[in-house]
Amino acid sequence: MRIVEHVAPKRVEVKQAPDPAPGPGQVVVAMRVAGICGSDLHVYRREPRKNPEHTHVPGHEPCGVVESVGEGVTNVRPGDRVTVYHYQSCGLCGRCREGNWMWCSQIRAYGWHVQGSCADKIVADARNCLPLPKELSYADGAFIACGAGTTWSALRKVRPTAEDVAVVFGLGPIGLVGVAMLEAFGTPVIAVGRRAGRLAVAEQLGADLIIDIDQDEDPVATVQRHFPQGVPLAYETSGSPVAQQQMIRCLSRGGRAACVGIGNREPAINLGGITGKQLTLHGSFVMNAGEYDALSTFMVRKNLNMDRLVTHRFGIEQAQEAFEMADTGDCAKVVLEWPDE
């Protein structure tokens, strides 16, 4: 089979590797769509890892078809369409029993500890294989593995309604999923970001107000012109200290926010601004495995089509071109695709 290997800063190569075989309790999944995530780009820009326990095959947004199953597997069978939860865990500890596999002390992440999804096939634990409803596309499944799952978990913490107005900071794929999902909740959305292509996608997804931070010197003032008391809800996806500060200023008294942006460790938020307004801020990581059924049902019921966010599609042999495009930021979602045989 073919794999995409990270060989140097901003360089990947397509190589041959042996076809995998499933062990007991395992499944081989043939990829149909594998998304490229911002966290994949953090790795792509650096020197390849030296630790032999870490894989050089990136990707943690897998969706495909079960090719073969190992001994003892009963929940899926060959031919099933599945998305794959992107953290392997022990399955036995208290965190795992809660569904919080991502907090297990024995965590193994795709594209980091385990061969990633930028390959023709991956090996997954059977319980990580989540059945993809027939109404959802392979691209939907790849989004569920990370971007849609992360957003779903975050927004459930702040409980958006049609009576709210939400401001979304950052219009990369995660922020754009936030726009789409908030619209599905019936929540009017203010989208704050940059780059014409991403702003256009936010508008197509139904954002009610678009703020281009490269053209608007004070996005908070623009929000306050429309909503003098501030807005009750915010979703921060950029990780930018400036955006985090603006988020606090945009929120109304008693407002609530979910923050998923990572990658920047600079101090950003004055707690006095939170206390005076009695704000509720939720940090949110990724989806609890137990949230999947509710998310997939919501996507089907609301016809929440994530293909609308895919602006560039490449075959695996074009992996370098795909990573280069994703790295420019002049795109929404970039995916690798395989034919559905």
C-alpha atoms as a PDB file:
ATOM      1  CA  MET A   1       0.000   0.000   0.000  1.00  0.00           C
ATOM      2  CA  ARG A   2       0.956   3.656  -0.290  1.00  0.00           C
ATOM      3  CA  ILE A   3       1.725   5.861   2.695  1.00  0.00           C
ATOM      4  CA  VAL A   4       2.543   9.558   3.005  1.00  0.00           C
ATOM      5  CA  GLU A   5       5.728  10.014   5.005  1.00  0.00           C
ATOM      6  CA  HIS A   6       6.935  13.242   6.590  1.00  0.00           C
ATOM      7  CA  VAL A   7      10.585  13.390   5.509  1.00  0.00           C
ATOM      8  CA  ALA A   8      11.676  17.002   6.116  1.00  0.00           C
ATOM      9  CA  PRO A   9      10.240  20.369   7.135  1.00  0.00           C
ATOM     10  CA  LYS A  10       7.398  21.116   4.705  1.00  0.00           C
ATOM     11  CA  ARG A  11       8.140  17.955   2.742  1.00  0.00           C
ATOM     12  CA  VAL A  12       6.207  14.692   2.463  1.00  0.00           C
ATOM     13  CA  GLU A  13       6.765  11.775   0.100  1.00  0.00           C
ATOM     14  CA  VAL A  14       4.548   8.929  -1.055  1.00  0.00           C
ATOM     15  CA  LYS A  15       6.175   5.563  -0.347  1.00  0.00           C
ATOM     16  CA  GLN A  16       5.287   1.885  -0.435  1.00  0.00           C
ATOM     17  CA  ALA A  17       4.662  -0.074   2.755  1.00  0.00           C
ATOM     18  CA  PRO A  18       3.410  -3.599   3.504  1.00  0.00           C
ATOM     19  CA  ASP A  19      -0.340  -4.066   3.648  1.00  0.00           C
ATOM     20  CA  PRO A  20      -1.467  -4.258   7.283  1.00  0.00           C
ATOM     21  CA  ALA A  21      -3.235  -7.245   8.817  1.00  0.00           C
ATOM     22  CA  PRO A  22      -5.680  -6.967  11.729  1.00  0.00           C
ATOM     23  CA  GLY A  23      -4.830  -8.547  15.052  1.00  0.00           C
ATOM     24  CA  PRO A  24      -7.398  -9.714  17.595  1.00  0.00           C
ATOM     25  CA  GLY A  25      -9.954  -6.977  18.182  1.00  0.00           C
ATOM     26  CA  GLN A  26      -8.617  -4.938  15.281  1.00  0.00           C
ATOM     27  CA  VAL A  27      -9.927  -3.794  11.897  1.00  0.00           C
ATOM     28  CA  VAL A  28      -8.224  -2.749   8.655  1.00  0.00           C
ATOM     29  CA  VAL A  29      -9.977   0.252   7.140  1.00  0.00           C
ATOM     30  CA  ALA A  30      -9.401   1.248   3.502  1.00  0.00           C
ATOM     31  CA  MET A  31      -9.405   5.029   3.305  1.00  0.00           C
ATOM     32  CA  ARG A  32     -11.934   6.960   1.237  1.00  0.00           C
ATOM     33  CA  VAL A  33     -11.350  10.449   2.658  1.00  0.00           C
ATOM     34  CA  ALA A  34      -8.580  11.674   4.973  1.00  0.00           C
ATOM     35  CA  GLY A  35      -8.626  15.301   6.033  1.00  0.00           C
ATOM     36  CA  ILE A  36      -5.568  17.464   6.617  1.00  0.00           C
ATOM     37  CA  CYS A  37      -5.914  19.253   9.966  1.00  0.00           C
ATOM     38  CA  GLY A  38      -4.159  22.310  11.328  1.00  0.00           C
ATOM     39  CA  SER A  39      -2.366  20.140  13.875  1.00  0.00           C
ATOM     40  CA  ASP A  40      -0.997  18.047  10.971  1.00  0.00           C
ATOM     41  CA  LEU A  41       0.450  21.281   9.593  1.00  0.00           C
ATOM     42  CA  HIS A  42       2.213  22.052  12.885  1.00  0.00           C
ATOM     43  CA  VAL A  43       4.098  18.763  12.422  1.00  0.00           C
ATOM     44  CA  TYR A  44       4.571  19.278   8.661  1.00  0.00           C
ATOM     45  CA  ARG A  45       6.433  22.540   9.271  1.00  0.00           C
ATOM     46  CA  ARG A  46       8.948  20.994  11.687  1.00  0.00           C
ATOM     47  CA  GLU A  47      11.774  18.506  11.481  1.00  0.00           C
ATOM     48  CA  PRO A  48      10.512  14.898  11.430  1.00  0.00           C
ATOM     49  CA  ARG A  49      10.341  13.303  14.871  1.00  0.00           C
ATOM     50  CA  LYS A  50      13.388  11.366  16.003  1.00  0.00           C
ATOM     51  CA  ASN A  51      11.573   9.212  18.571  1.00  0.00           C
ATOM     52  CA  PRO A  52      11.046   5.755  17.012  1.00  0.00           C
ATOM     53  CA  GLU A  53       7.801   5.369  18.973  1.00  0.00           C
ATOM     54  CA  HIS A  54       6.264   8.148  16.873  1.00  0.00           C
ATOM     55  CA  THR A  55       5.061   7.617  13.322  1.00  0.00           C
ATOM     56  CA  HIS A  56       6.073   9.779  10.375  1.00  0.00           C
ATOM     57  CA  VAL A  57       2.741   9.130   8.606  1.00  0.00           C
ATOM     58  CA  PRO A  58       0.447  12.076   9.401  1.00  0.00           C
ATOM     59  CA  GLY A  59      -3.316  12.307   9.581  1.00  0.00           C
ATOM     60  CA  HIS A  60      -6.006  11.781  12.192  1.00  0.00           C
ATOM     61  CA  GLU A  61      -9.195  12.367  10.202  1.00  0.00           C
ATOM     62  CA  PRO A  62      -9.911   8.928   8.712  1.00  0.00           C
ATOM     63  CA  CYS A  63     -13.069   7.710   7.048  1.00  0.00           C
ATOM     64  CA  GLY A  64     -13.422   4.656   4.850  1.00  0.00           C
ATOM     65  CA  VAL A  65     -14.591   1.099   4.415  1.00  0.00           C
ATOM     66  CA  VAL A  66     -13.796  -1.905   6.575  1.00  0.00           C
ATOM     67  CA  GLU A  67     -11.584  -4.216   4.527  1.00  0.00           C
ATOM     68  CA  SER A  68     -10.914  -7.004   7.031  1.00  0.00           C
ATOM     69  CA  VAL A  69     -11.445  -7.793  10.700  1.00  0.00           C
ATOM     70  CA  GLY A  70      -9.461  -9.694  13.282  1.00  0.00           C
ATOM     71  CA  GLU A  71     -10.448 -12.387  15.722  1.00  0.00           C
ATOM     72  CA  GLY A  72     -13.258 -11.476  18.099  1.00  0.00           C
ATOM     73  CA  VAL A  73     -14.571  -8.462  16.143  1.00  0.00           C
ATOM     74  CA  THR A  74     -18.361  -8.401  16.035  1.00  0.00           C
ATOM     75  CA  ASN A  75     -19.376  -4.734  15.823  1.00  0.00           C
ATOM     76  CA  VAL A  76     -18.292  -4.224  12.201  1.00  0.00           C
ATOM     77  CA  ARG A  77     -17.726  -6.403   9.159  1.00  0.00           C
ATOM     78  CA  PRO A  78     -16.061  -6.024   5.755  1.00  0.00           C
ATOM     79  CA  GLY A  79     -17.851  -3.505   3.572  1.00  0.00           C
ATOM     80  CA  ASP A  80     -19.115  -1.336   6.435  1.00  0.00           C
ATOM     81  CA  ARG A  81     -18.636   2.416   6.077  1.00  0.00           C
ATOM     82  CA  VAL A  82     -16.976   3.848   9.186  1.00  0.00           C
ATOM     83  CA  THR A  83     -15.396   6.929  10.622  1.00  0.00           C
ATOM     84  CA  VAL A  84     -12.557   6.226  13.033  1.00  0.00           C
ATOM     85  CA  TYR A  85     -12.217   7.867  16.436  1.00  0.00           C
ATOM     86  CA  HIS A  86      -8.667   9.160  16.333  1.00  0.00           C
ATOM     87  CA  TYR A  87      -7.382   8.224  19.800  1.00  0.00           C
ATOM     88  CA  GLN A  88      -6.639   4.660  20.806  1.00  0.00           C
ATOM     89  CA  SER A  89      -6.783   3.920  24.539  1.00  0.00           C
ATOM     90  CA  CYS A  90      -6.744   1.089  27.044  1.00  0.00           C
ATOM     91  CA  GLY A  91     -10.529   0.771  27.199  1.00  0.00           C
ATOM     92  CA  LEU A  92     -10.429  -0.253  30.860  1.00  0.00           C
ATOM     93  CA  CYS A  93      -9.599   2.753  33.035  1.00  0.00           C
ATOM     94  CA  GLY A  94     -12.095   5.187  34.522  1.00  0.00           C
ATOM     95  CA  ARG A  95     -11.509   7.757  31.788  1.00  0.00           C
ATOM     96  CA  CYS A  96     -12.180   5.180  29.095  1.00  0.00           C
ATOM     97  CA  ARG A  97     -15.362   3.996  30.813  1.00  0.00           C
ATOM     98  CA  GLU A  98     -16.534   7.638  30.744  1.00  0.00           C
ATOM     99  CA  GLY A  99     -15.903   7.732  26.983  1.00  0.00           C
ATOM    100  CA  ASN A 100     -12.990  10.134  27.505  1.00  0.00           C
ATOM    101  CA  TRP A 101     -10.518   8.000  25.592  1.00  0.00           C
ATOM    102  CA  MET A 102      -8.435  11.094  24.795  1.00  0.00           C
ATOM    103  CA  TRP A 103      -7.567  11.391  28.529  1.00  0.00           C
ATOM    104  CA  CYS A 104      -6.430   7.786  28.970  1.00  0.00           C
ATOM    105  CA  SER A 105      -2.896   7.482  30.375  1.00  0.00           C
ATOM    106  CA  GLN A 106      -2.141   4.961  27.596  1.00  0.00           C
ATOM    107  CA  ILE A 107      -3.387   7.182  24.779  1.00  0.00           C
ATOM    108  CA  ARG A 108      -2.066   6.556  21.264  1.00  0.00           C
ATOM    109  CA  ALA A 109      -2.996   9.146  18.645  1.00  0.00           C
ATOM    110  CA  TYR A 110      -3.248   8.563  14.895  1.00  0.00           C
ATOM    111  CA  GLY A 111      -0.595  10.496  13.030  1.00  0.00           C
ATOM    112  CA  TRP A 112       1.547  10.671  16.152  1.00  0.00           C
ATOM    113  CA  HIS A 113       1.966   7.339  17.965  1.00  0.00           C
ATOM    114  CA  VAL A 114       0.081   5.273  15.390  1.00  0.00           C
ATOM    115  CA  GLN A 115       0.352   5.349  11.590  1.00  0.00           C
ATOM    116  CA  GLY A 116      -1.910   8.145  10.426  1.00  0.00           C
ATOM    117  CA  SER A 117      -4.726   8.288   7.925  1.00  0.00           C
ATOM    118  CA  CYS A 118      -2.648   9.686   5.051  1.00  0.00           C
ATOM    119  CA  ALA A 119      -2.272   6.166   3.702  1.00  0.00           C
ATOM    120  CA  ASP A 120      -4.281   3.698   1.660  1.00  0.00           C
ATOM    121  CA  LYS A 121      -5.174   1.733   4.804  1.00  0.00           C
ATOM    122  CA  ILE A 122      -5.032   2.000   8.575  1.00  0.00           C
ATOM    123  CA  VAL A 123      -5.360  -0.468  11.433  1.00  0.00           C
ATOM    124  CA  ALA A 124      -7.920   0.524  14.071  1.00  0.00           C
ATOM    125  CA  ASP A 125      -9.258  -0.991  17.239  1.00  0.00           C
ATOM    126  CA  ALA A 126     -12.730  -2.293  16.453  1.00  0.00           C
ATOM    127  CA  ARG A 127     -14.365  -0.085  19.064  1.00  0.00           C
ATOM    128  CA  ASN A 128     -12.850   2.996  17.378  1.00  0.00           C
ATOM    129  CA  CYS A 129     -14.796   2.202  14.201  1.00  0.00           C
ATOM    130  CA  LEU A 130     -18.034   4.193  14.341  1.00  0.00           C
ATOM    131  CA  PRO A 131     -20.746   3.299  11.804  1.00  0.00           C
ATOM    132  CA  LEU A 132     -21.351   6.041   9.246  1.00  0.00           C
ATOM    133  CA  PRO A 133     -25.049   6.550   8.456  1.00  0.00           C
ATOM    134  CA  LYS A 134     -25.907   6.117   4.796  1.00  0.00           C
ATOM    135  CA  GLU A 135     -27.038   9.752   4.635  1.00  0.00           C
ATOM    136  CA  LEU A 136     -23.540  11.006   5.487  1.00  0.00           C
ATOM    137  CA  SER A 137     -20.647  11.198   3.042  1.00  0.00           C
ATOM    138  CA  TYR A 138     -17.091  10.034   3.583  1.00  0.00           C
ATOM    139  CA  ALA A 139     -16.121  13.702   3.903  1.00  0.00           C
ATOM    140  CA  ASP A 140     -18.704  14.051   6.668  1.00  0.00           C
ATOM    141  CA  GLY A 141     -17.071  11.105   8.401  1.00  0.00           C
ATOM    142  CA  ALA A 142     -13.600  12.624   8.120  1.00  0.00           C
ATOM    143  CA  PHE A 143     -14.887  15.860   9.659  1.00  0.00           C
ATOM    144  CA  ILE A 144     -16.533  13.910  12.480  1.00  0.00           C
ATOM    145  CA  ALA A 145     -13.159  12.343  13.320  1.00  0.00           C
ATOM    146  CA  CYS A 146     -11.824  15.749  14.340  1.00  0.00           C
ATOM    147  CA  GLY A 147     -13.315  19.099  13.275  1.00  0.00           C
ATOM    148  CA  ALA A 148     -17.018  18.346  13.567  1.00  0.00           C
ATOM    149  CA  GLY A 149     -16.536  16.219  16.668  1.00  0.00           C
ATOM    150  CA  THR A 150     -14.459  18.920  18.354  1.00  0.00           C
ATOM    151  CA  THR A 151     -17.012  21.604  17.486  1.00  0.00           C
ATOM    152  CA  TRP A 152     -19.979  19.489  18.562  1.00  0.00           C
ATOM    153  CA  SER A 153     -18.439  18.808  21.957  1.00  0.00           C
ATOM    154  CA  ALA A 154     -17.546  22.486  22.423  1.00  0.00           C
ATOM    155  CA  LEU A 155     -20.924  23.882  21.420  1.00  0.00           C
ATOM    156  CA  ARG A 156     -22.839  21.420  23.560  1.00  0.00           C
ATOM    157  CA  LYS A 157     -21.038  22.893  26.549  1.00  0.00           C
ATOM    158  CA  VAL A 158     -22.443  26.373  25.804  1.00  0.00           C
ATOM    159  CA  ARG A 159     -25.897  25.213  24.598  1.00  0.00           C
ATOM    160  CA  PRO A 160     -26.593  27.471  21.579  1.00  0.00           C
ATOM    161  CA  THR A 161     -30.209  28.360  20.819  1.00  0.00           C
ATOM    162  CA  ALA A 162     -32.127  30.389  18.258  1.00  0.00           C
ATOM    163  CA  GLU A 163     -32.422  33.146  20.878  1.00  0.00           C
ATOM    164  CA  ASP A 164     -28.650  33.631  20.994  1.00  0.00           C
ATOM    165  CA  VAL A 165     -26.252  35.443  18.707  1.00  0.00           C
ATOM    166  CA  ALA A 166     -22.807  33.873  18.387  1.00  0.00           C
ATOM    167  CA  VAL A 167     -19.473  35.294  17.304  1.00  0.00           C
ATOM    168  CA  VAL A 168     -16.970  32.831  15.818  1.00  0.00           C
ATOM    169  CA  PHE A 169     -13.301  33.835  15.942  1.00  0.00           C
ATOM    170  CA  GLY A 170     -11.090  32.120  13.377  1.00  0.00           C
ATOM    171  CA  LEU A 171     -12.350  30.812  10.032  1.00  0.00           C
ATOM    172  CA  GLY A 172     -10.094  27.866   9.446  1.00  0.00           C
ATOM    173  CA  PRO A 173     -11.894  24.535   9.012  1.00  0.00           C
ATOM    174  CA  ILE A 174     -12.784  24.301  12.725  1.00  0.00           C
ATOM    175  CA  GLY A 175     -14.264  27.797  12.771  1.00  0.00           C
ATOM    176  CA  LEU A 176     -16.165  27.176   9.552  1.00  0.00           C
ATOM    177  CA  VAL A 177     -17.631  24.010  11.042  1.00  0.00           C
ATOM    178  CA  GLY A 178     -18.685  26.214  13.945  1.00  0.00           C
ATOM    179  CA  VAL A 179     -20.490  28.573  11.559  1.00  0.00           C
ATOM    180  CA  ALA A 180     -22.283  25.670   9.866  1.00  0.00           C
ATOM    181  CA  MET A 181     -23.239  23.978  13.120  1.00  0.00           C
ATOM    182  CA  LEU A 182     -24.454  27.159  14.804  1.00  0.00           C
ATOM    183  CA  GLU A 183     -26.618  27.884  11.778  1.00  0.00           C
ATOM    184  CA  ALA A 184     -28.055  24.382  12.138  1.00  0.00           C
ATOM    185  CA  PHE A 185     -28.903  25.215  15.757  1.00  0.00           C
ATOM    186  CA  GLY A 186     -30.722  28.292  14.447  1.00  0.00           C
ATOM    187  CA  THR A 187     -28.216  30.682  16.054  1.00  0.00           C
ATOM    188  CA  PRO A 188     -27.361  33.882  14.114  1.00  0.00           C
ATOM    189  CA  VAL A 189     -23.590  34.024  13.528  1.00  0.00           C
ATOM    190  CA  ILE A 190     -20.983  36.752  13.285  1.00  0.00           C
ATOM    191  CA  ALA A 191     -17.884  35.319  11.556  1.00  0.00           C
ATOM    192  CA  VAL A 192     -14.538  36.972  12.300  1.00  0.00           C
ATOM    193  CA  GLY A 193     -11.469  35.976  10.292  1.00  0.00           C
ATOM    194  CA  ARG A 194      -9.300  36.660   7.295  1.00  0.00           C
ATOM    195  CA  ARG A 195      -8.607  35.483   3.742  1.00  0.00           C
ATOM    196  CA  ALA A 196     -11.165  36.050   1.018  1.00  0.00           C
ATOM    197  CA  GLY A 197     -11.757  32.363   0.308  1.00  0.00           C
ATOM    198  CA  ARG A 198     -12.566  31.516   3.906  1.00  0.00           C
ATOM    199  CA  LEU A 199     -14.738  34.595   4.354  1.00  0.00           C
ATOM    200  CA  ALA A 200     -16.663  33.568   1.235  1.00  0.00           C
ATOM    201  CA  VAL A 201     -17.230  30.061   2.588  1.00  0.00           C
ATOM    202  CA  ALA A 202     -18.504  31.522   5.880  1.00  0.00           C
ATOM    203  CA  GLU A 203     -20.984  33.619   3.918  1.00  0.00           C
ATOM    204  CA  GLN A 204     -22.096  30.604   1.893  1.00  0.00           C
ATOM    205  CA  LEU A 205     -22.640  28.680   5.125  1.00  0.00           C
ATOM    206  CA  GLY A 206     -25.071  31.336   6.282  1.00  0.00           C
ATOM    207  CA  ALA A 207     -23.081  33.703   8.514  1.00  0.00           C
ATOM    208  CA  ASP A 208     -25.174  36.819   9.141  1.00  0.00           C
ATOM    209  CA  LEU A 209     -22.244  39.224   9.505  1.00  0.00           C
ATOM    210  CA  ILE A 210     -18.713  38.805   8.134  1.00  0.00           C
ATOM    211  CA  ILE A 211     -15.794  40.745   9.639  1.00  0.00           C
ATOM    212  CA  ASP A 212     -12.465  40.719   7.778  1.00  0.00           C
ATOM    213  CA  ILE A 213      -9.798  41.447  10.394  1.00  0.00           C
ATOM    214  CA  ASP A 214      -7.377  42.622   7.706  1.00  0.00           C
ATOM    215  CA  GLN A 215      -9.836  45.368   6.734  1.00  0.00           C
ATOM    216  CA  ASP A 216     -11.478  46.118  10.074  1.00  0.00           C
ATOM    217  CA  GLU A 217      -9.157  47.651  12.682  1.00  0.00           C
ATOM    218  CA  ASP A 218     -11.569  47.034  15.568  1.00  0.00           C
ATOM    219  CA  PRO A 219     -13.836  43.989  15.106  1.00  0.00           C
ATOM    220  CA  VAL A 220     -15.197  44.448  18.632  1.00  0.00           C
ATOM    221  CA  ALA A 221     -16.459  47.926  17.799  1.00  0.00           C
ATOM    222  CA  THR A 222     -18.148  46.520  14.699  1.00  0.00           C
ATOM    223  CA  VAL A 223     -19.882  43.843  16.768  1.00  0.00           C
ATOM    224  CA  GLN A 224     -20.950  46.451  19.328  1.00  0.00           C
ATOM    225  CA  ARG A 225     -22.419  48.710  16.631  1.00  0.00           C
ATOM    226  CA  HIS A 226     -24.828  45.896  15.836  1.00  0.00           C
ATOM    227  CA  PHE A 227     -25.186  44.622  19.408  1.00  0.00           C
ATOM    228  CA  PRO A 228     -24.414  47.429  21.874  1.00  0.00           C
ATOM    229  CA  GLN A 229     -24.758  45.132  24.904  1.00  0.00           C
ATOM    230  CA  GLY A 230     -22.531  42.478  23.345  1.00  0.00           C
ATOM    231  CA  VAL A 231     -23.473  38.970  22.247  1.00  0.00           C
ATOM    232  CA  PRO A 232     -24.313  36.063  24.529  1.00  0.00           C
ATOM    233  CA  LEU A 233     -22.213  33.382  22.848  1.00  0.00           C
ATOM    234  CA  ALA A 234     -18.699  32.988  21.398  1.00  0.00           C
ATOM    235  CA  TYR A 235     -16.674  30.198  19.815  1.00  0.00           C
ATOM    236  CA  GLU A 236     -12.905  30.832  19.721  1.00  0.00           C
ATOM    237  CA  THR A 237     -10.964  28.582  17.351  1.00  0.00           C
ATOM    238  CA  SER A 238      -7.850  30.544  16.409  1.00  0.00           C
ATOM    239  CA  GLY A 239      -5.830  30.350  19.630  1.00  0.00           C
ATOM    240  CA  SER A 240      -4.734  33.940  19.012  1.00  0.00           C
ATOM    241  CA  PRO A 241      -4.255  36.011  22.202  1.00  0.00           C
ATOM    242  CA  VAL A 242      -5.733  39.015  20.368  1.00  0.00           C
ATOM    243  CA  ALA A 243      -8.824  37.006  19.408  1.00  0.00           C
ATOM    244  CA  GLN A 244      -9.165  35.729  22.965  1.00  0.00           C
ATOM    245  CA  GLN A 245      -9.107  39.280  24.297  1.00  0.00           C
ATOM    246  CA  GLN A 246     -11.633  40.375  21.688  1.00  0.00           C
ATOM    247  CA  MET A 247     -13.869  37.450  22.597  1.00  0.00           C
ATOM    248  CA  ILE A 248     -14.073  38.681  26.210  1.00  0.00           C
ATOM    249  CA  ARG A 249     -14.900  42.196  25.055  1.00  0.00           C
ATOM    250  CA  CYS A 250     -17.587  41.009  22.631  1.00  0.00           C
ATOM    251  CA  LEU A 251     -19.516  38.962  25.175  1.00  0.00           C
ATOM    252  CA  SER A 252     -22.499  40.434  26.974  1.00  0.00           C
ATOM    253  CA  ARG A 253     -22.967  40.158  30.712  1.00  0.00           C
ATOM    254  CA  GLY A 254     -23.623  36.548  31.623  1.00  0.00           C
ATOM    255  CA  GLY A 255     -22.201  35.465  28.268  1.00  0.00           C
ATOM    256  CA  ARG A 256     -20.638  32.098  27.627  1.00  0.00           C
ATOM    257  CA  ALA A 257     -17.882  30.907  25.342  1.00  0.00           C
ATOM    258  CA  ALA A 258     -16.211  27.731  24.171  1.00  0.00           C
ATOM    259  CA  CYS A 259     -12.487  27.872  23.366  1.00  0.00           C
ATOM    260  CA  VAL A 260     -10.755  25.209  21.278  1.00  0.00           C
ATOM    261  CA  GLY A 261      -7.878  27.183  19.764  1.00  0.00           C
ATOM    262  CA  ILE A 262      -4.444  25.894  20.772  1.00  0.00           C
ATOM    263  CA  GLY A 263      -0.861  26.447  19.733  1.00  0.00           C
ATOM    264  CA  ASN A 264      -0.172  29.718  21.537  1.00  0.00           C
ATOM    265  CA  ARG A 265       0.914  29.831  25.175  1.00  0.00           C
ATOM    266  CA  GLU A 266       1.081  33.611  25.593  1.00  0.00           C
ATOM    267  CA  PRO A 267      -0.963  35.060  28.481  1.00  0.00           C
ATOM    268  CA  ALA A 268      -4.028  36.660  26.977  1.00  0.00           C
ATOM    269  CA  ILE A 269      -7.044  37.018  29.234  1.00  0.00           C
ATOM    270  CA  ASN A 270      -7.531  39.393  32.173  1.00  0.00           C
ATOM    271  CA  LEU A 271      -9.670  37.561  34.710  1.00  0.00           C
ATOM    272  CA  GLY A 272     -11.182  40.870  35.779  1.00  0.00           C
ATOM    273  CA  GLY A 273     -13.002  41.044  32.465  1.00  0.00           C
ATOM    274  CA  ILE A 274     -14.520  37.644  33.122  1.00  0.00           C
ATOM    275  CA  THR A 275     -15.467  38.376  36.725  1.00  0.00           C
ATOM    276  CA  GLY A 276     -17.123  41.726  36.097  1.00  0.00           C
ATOM    277  CA  LYS A 277     -19.371  40.300  33.392  1.00  0.00           C
ATOM    278  CA  GLN A 278     -19.891  36.955  35.140  1.00  0.00           C
ATOM    279  CA  LEU A 279     -18.828  35.118  32.009  1.00  0.00           C
ATOM    280  CA  THR A 280     -18.614  31.362  31.646  1.00  0.00           C
ATOM    281  CA  LEU A 281     -15.671  30.122  29.585  1.00  0.00           C
ATOM    282  CA  HIS A 282     -15.315  26.481  28.636  1.00  0.00           C
ATOM    283  CA  GLY A 283     -12.064  25.022  27.436  1.00  0.00           C
ATOM    284  CA  SER A 284     -12.885  22.121  25.137  1.00  0.00           C
ATOM    285  CA  PHE A 285     -10.578  19.522  23.644  1.00  0.00           C
ATOM    286  CA  VAL A 286     -12.079  16.811  21.415  1.00  0.00           C
ATOM    287  CA  MET A 287     -15.289  14.845  21.334  1.00  0.00           C
ATOM    288  CA  ASN A 288     -15.996  12.291  24.016  1.00  0.00           C
ATOM    289  CA  ALA A 289     -16.523   8.989  22.208  1.00  0.00           C
ATOM    290  CA  GLY A 290     -19.995   8.724  23.719  1.00  0.00           C
ATOM    291  CA  GLU A 291     -21.113  11.893  21.914  1.00  0.00           C
ATOM    292  CA  TYR A 292     -20.866  10.312  18.463  1.00  0.00           C
ATOM    293  CA  ASP A 293     -24.403   8.990  18.134  1.00  0.00           C
ATOM    294  CA  ALA A 294     -25.930  12.351  19.043  1.00  0.00           C
ATOM    295  CA  LEU A 295     -23.640  14.145  16.566  1.00  0.00           C
ATOM    296  CA  SER A 296     -24.298  11.797  13.648  1.00  0.00           C
ATOM    297  CA  THR A 297     -28.047  11.945  14.324  1.00  0.00           C
ATOM    298  CA  PHE A 298     -27.914  15.764  14.422  1.00  0.00           C
ATOM    299  CA  MET A 299     -26.010  15.911  11.138  1.00  0.00           C
ATOM    300  CA  VAL A 300     -28.508  13.646   9.418  1.00  0.00           C
ATOM    301  CA  ARG A 301     -31.552  15.437  10.836  1.00  0.00           C
ATOM    302  CA  LYS A 302     -30.211  18.890   9.948  1.00  0.00           C
ATOM    303  CA  ASN A 303     -28.699  17.789   6.610  1.00  0.00           C
ATOM    304  CA  LEU A 304     -25.433  19.249   7.845  1.00  0.00           C
ATOM    305  CA  ASN A 305     -23.370  18.632   4.733  1.00  0.00           C
ATOM    306  CA  MET A 306     -19.652  19.084   5.460  1.00  0.00           C
ATOM    307  CA  ASP A 307     -18.698  18.662   1.790  1.00  0.00           C
ATOM    308  CA  ARG A 308     -19.521  22.372   1.472  1.00  0.00           C
ATOM    309  CA  LEU A 309     -16.366  23.130   3.441  1.00  0.00           C
ATOM    310  CA  VAL A 310     -14.048  21.115   1.190  1.00  0.00           C
ATOM    311  CA  THR A 311     -12.362  23.462  -1.270  1.00  0.00           C
ATOM    312  CA  HIS A 312      -9.514  21.214  -2.460  1.00  0.00           C
ATOM    313  CA  ARG A 313      -9.412  17.461  -3.109  1.00  0.00           C
ATOM    314  CA  PHE A 314      -6.279  15.491  -3.997  1.00  0.00           C
ATOM    315  CA  GLY A 315      -5.310  11.896  -4.626  1.00  0.00           C
ATOM    316  CA  ILE A 316      -2.677  10.358  -2.365  1.00  0.00           C
ATOM    317  CA  GLU A 317      -0.017  10.693  -5.065  1.00  0.00           C
ATOM    318  CA  GLN A 318      -0.559  14.482  -4.843  1.00  0.00           C
ATOM    319  CA  ALA A 319       0.082  14.556  -1.101  1.00  0.00           C
ATOM    320  CA  GLN A 320       2.865  17.164  -1.290  1.00  0.00           C
ATOM    321  CA  GLU A 321       0.617  19.471  -3.301  1.00  0.00           C
ATOM    322  CA  ALA A 322      -2.211  18.889  -0.828  1.00  0.00           C
ATOM    323  CA  PHE A 323      -0.074  19.802   2.185  1.00  0.00           C
ATOM    324  CA  GLU A 324       1.313  22.851   0.391  1.00  0.00           C
ATOM    325  CA  MET A 325      -2.208  24.072  -0.348  1.00  0.00           C
ATOM    326  CA  ALA A 326      -3.370  23.501   3.235  1.00  0.00           C
ATOM    327  CA  ASP A 327      -0.288  25.338   4.512  1.00  0.00           C
ATOM    328  CA  THR A 328      -1.113  28.473   2.502  1.00  0.00           C
ATOM    329  CA  GLY A 329      -4.369  29.016   4.386  1.00  0.00           C
ATOM    330  CA  ASP A 330      -5.929  30.129   1.080  1.00  0.00           C
ATOM    331  CA  CYS A 331      -8.488  27.360   1.359  1.00  0.00           C
ATOM    332  CA  ALA A 332     -11.098  25.925   3.652  1.00  0.00           C
ATOM    333  CA  LYS A 333     -10.707  22.150   4.021  1.00  0.00           C
ATOM    334  CA  VAL A 334      -8.146  20.129   2.076  1.00  0.00           C
ATOM    335  CA  VAL A 335      -8.649  16.362   1.851  1.00  0.00           C
ATOM    336  CA  LEU A 336      -7.088  13.313   0.288  1.00  0.00           C
ATOM    337  CA  GLU A 337      -9.623  11.161  -1.563  1.00  0.00           C
ATOM    338  CA  TRP A 338      -9.725   7.584  -2.824  1.00  0.00           C
ATOM    339  CA  PRO A 339     -12.269   6.134  -5.299  1.00  0.00           C
ATOM    340  CA  ASP A 340     -15.181   4.264  -3.731  1.00  0.00           C
ATOM    341  CA  GLU A 341     -14.590   0.835  -5.230  1.00  0.00           C
END
